Amino acid sequence: MTFKFFAMGLVTSALTACVSSGESSSVNSEWKALNSKRPQCAKAAGITGPYSVATEYYGGSVVQVFEPGPGVSEAQAAKANACMKA
């Protein structure tokens, strides 16, 4: 019984450390910055209607990529993606 409580305490401590780590808050900050930049990049690329964006986490960074589709040409998506990387 004591070992079970010790193990639960250890797991809880590890989860708390992961959730409260600085990396989590930096990812949140990156995500917010990209979300605020996205409408400007869409406008600069001439995207005026609805669009799709894939949001992924690569090697410690948040990446958002405009996807070509209905109303968004390959060229517009490429221009918007270049803007997001700038």
Protein backbone atom coordinates (compact mmCIF):
# COMPACT_ATOMS: atom_id res chain seq x y z
CA MET A 1 0.00 0.00 0.00
CA THR A 2 2.81 2.45 0.85
CA PHE A 3 4.64 1.68 -2.41
CA LYS A 4 1.46 2.41 -4.38
CA PHE A 5 1.13 5.87 -2.82
CA PHE A 6 4.83 6.54 -3.37
CA ALA A 7 4.51 5.58 -7.06
CA MET A 8 1.43 7.79 -7.46
CA GLY A 9 3.26 10.69 -5.85
CA LEU A 10 6.22 10.19 -8.15
CA VAL A 11 4.02 10.13 -11.26
CA THR A 12 2.10 13.21 -10.10
CA SER A 13 5.35 15.09 -9.48
CA ALA A 14 6.68 14.19 -12.92
CA LEU A 15 3.49 15.33 -14.64
CA THR A 16 3.47 18.59 -12.71
CA ALA A 17 7.08 19.26 -13.72
CA CYS A 18 6.29 18.62 -17.40
CA VAL A 19 3.20 20.80 -17.45
CA SER A 20 4.83 23.70 -15.62
CA SER A 21 8.09 23.61 -17.57
CA GLY A 22 9.21 26.68 -19.49
CA GLU A 23 8.93 24.85 -22.82
CA SER A 24 5.16 24.61 -22.44
CA SER A 25 4.82 28.36 -21.96
CA SER A 26 7.17 29.12 -24.86
CA VAL A 27 5.10 26.90 -27.17
CA ASN A 28 1.99 28.75 -26.04
CA SER A 29 3.68 32.09 -26.77
CA GLU A 30 4.79 30.90 -30.23
CA TRP A 31 1.29 29.67 -30.99
CA LYS A 32 -0.26 33.00 -29.99
CA ALA A 33 2.28 34.95 -32.07
CA LEU A 34 1.62 32.80 -35.15
CA ASN A 35 -2.14 33.13 -34.72
CA SER A 36 -1.87 36.91 -34.66
CA LYS A 37 0.43 36.90 -37.72
CA ARG A 38 -1.71 34.53 -39.79
CA PRO A 39 -4.43 37.02 -40.92
CA GLN A 40 -1.75 39.51 -42.06
CA CYS A 41 0.02 36.83 -44.10
CA ALA A 42 -3.24 35.65 -45.65
CA LYS A 43 -4.06 39.21 -46.70
CA ALA A 44 -0.54 39.80 -48.07
CA ALA A 45 -0.89 36.63 -50.18
CA GLY A 46 -4.23 37.77 -51.58
CA ILE A 47 -6.28 35.18 -49.72
CA THR A 48 -9.67 36.77 -49.14
CA GLY A 49 -11.89 33.83 -48.26
CA PRO A 50 -11.71 30.84 -45.96
CA TYR A 51 -8.44 28.94 -45.78
CA SER A 52 -6.94 25.93 -44.02
CA VAL A 53 -3.84 26.02 -41.85
CA ALA A 54 -2.03 23.00 -40.42
CA THR A 55 -0.47 23.62 -37.01
CA GLU A 56 2.31 21.25 -35.98
CA TYR A 57 5.09 21.01 -33.43
CA TYR A 58 8.56 20.36 -34.89
CA GLY A 59 11.78 20.18 -32.92
CA GLY A 60 10.70 22.55 -30.20
CA SER A 61 8.88 25.04 -32.42
CA VAL A 62 5.29 25.57 -33.46
CA VAL A 63 4.79 25.70 -37.24
CA GLN A 64 1.67 26.83 -39.09
CA VAL A 65 1.37 26.07 -42.79
CA PHE A 66 -1.22 27.44 -45.21
CA GLU A 67 -2.65 24.64 -47.32
CA PRO A 68 -3.79 25.10 -50.93
CA GLY A 69 -7.41 24.22 -51.51
CA PRO A 70 -10.73 25.75 -52.49
CA GLY A 71 -10.11 29.48 -52.93
CA VAL A 72 -6.36 29.22 -52.16
CA SER A 73 -3.92 28.58 -55.00
CA GLU A 74 -0.52 26.94 -54.64
CA ALA A 75 1.11 30.33 -55.26
CA GLN A 76 -0.99 32.04 -52.58
CA ALA A 77 -0.24 29.30 -50.05
CA ALA A 78 3.49 29.55 -50.83
CA LYS A 79 3.46 33.34 -50.44
CA ALA A 80 1.55 33.12 -47.14
CA ASN A 81 3.93 30.43 -45.87
CA ALA A 82 6.94 32.57 -46.75
CA CYS A 83 5.36 35.42 -44.79
CA MET A 84 4.80 33.14 -41.77
CA LYS A 85 8.50 32.15 -41.78
CA ALA A 86 9.69 35.76 -42.01
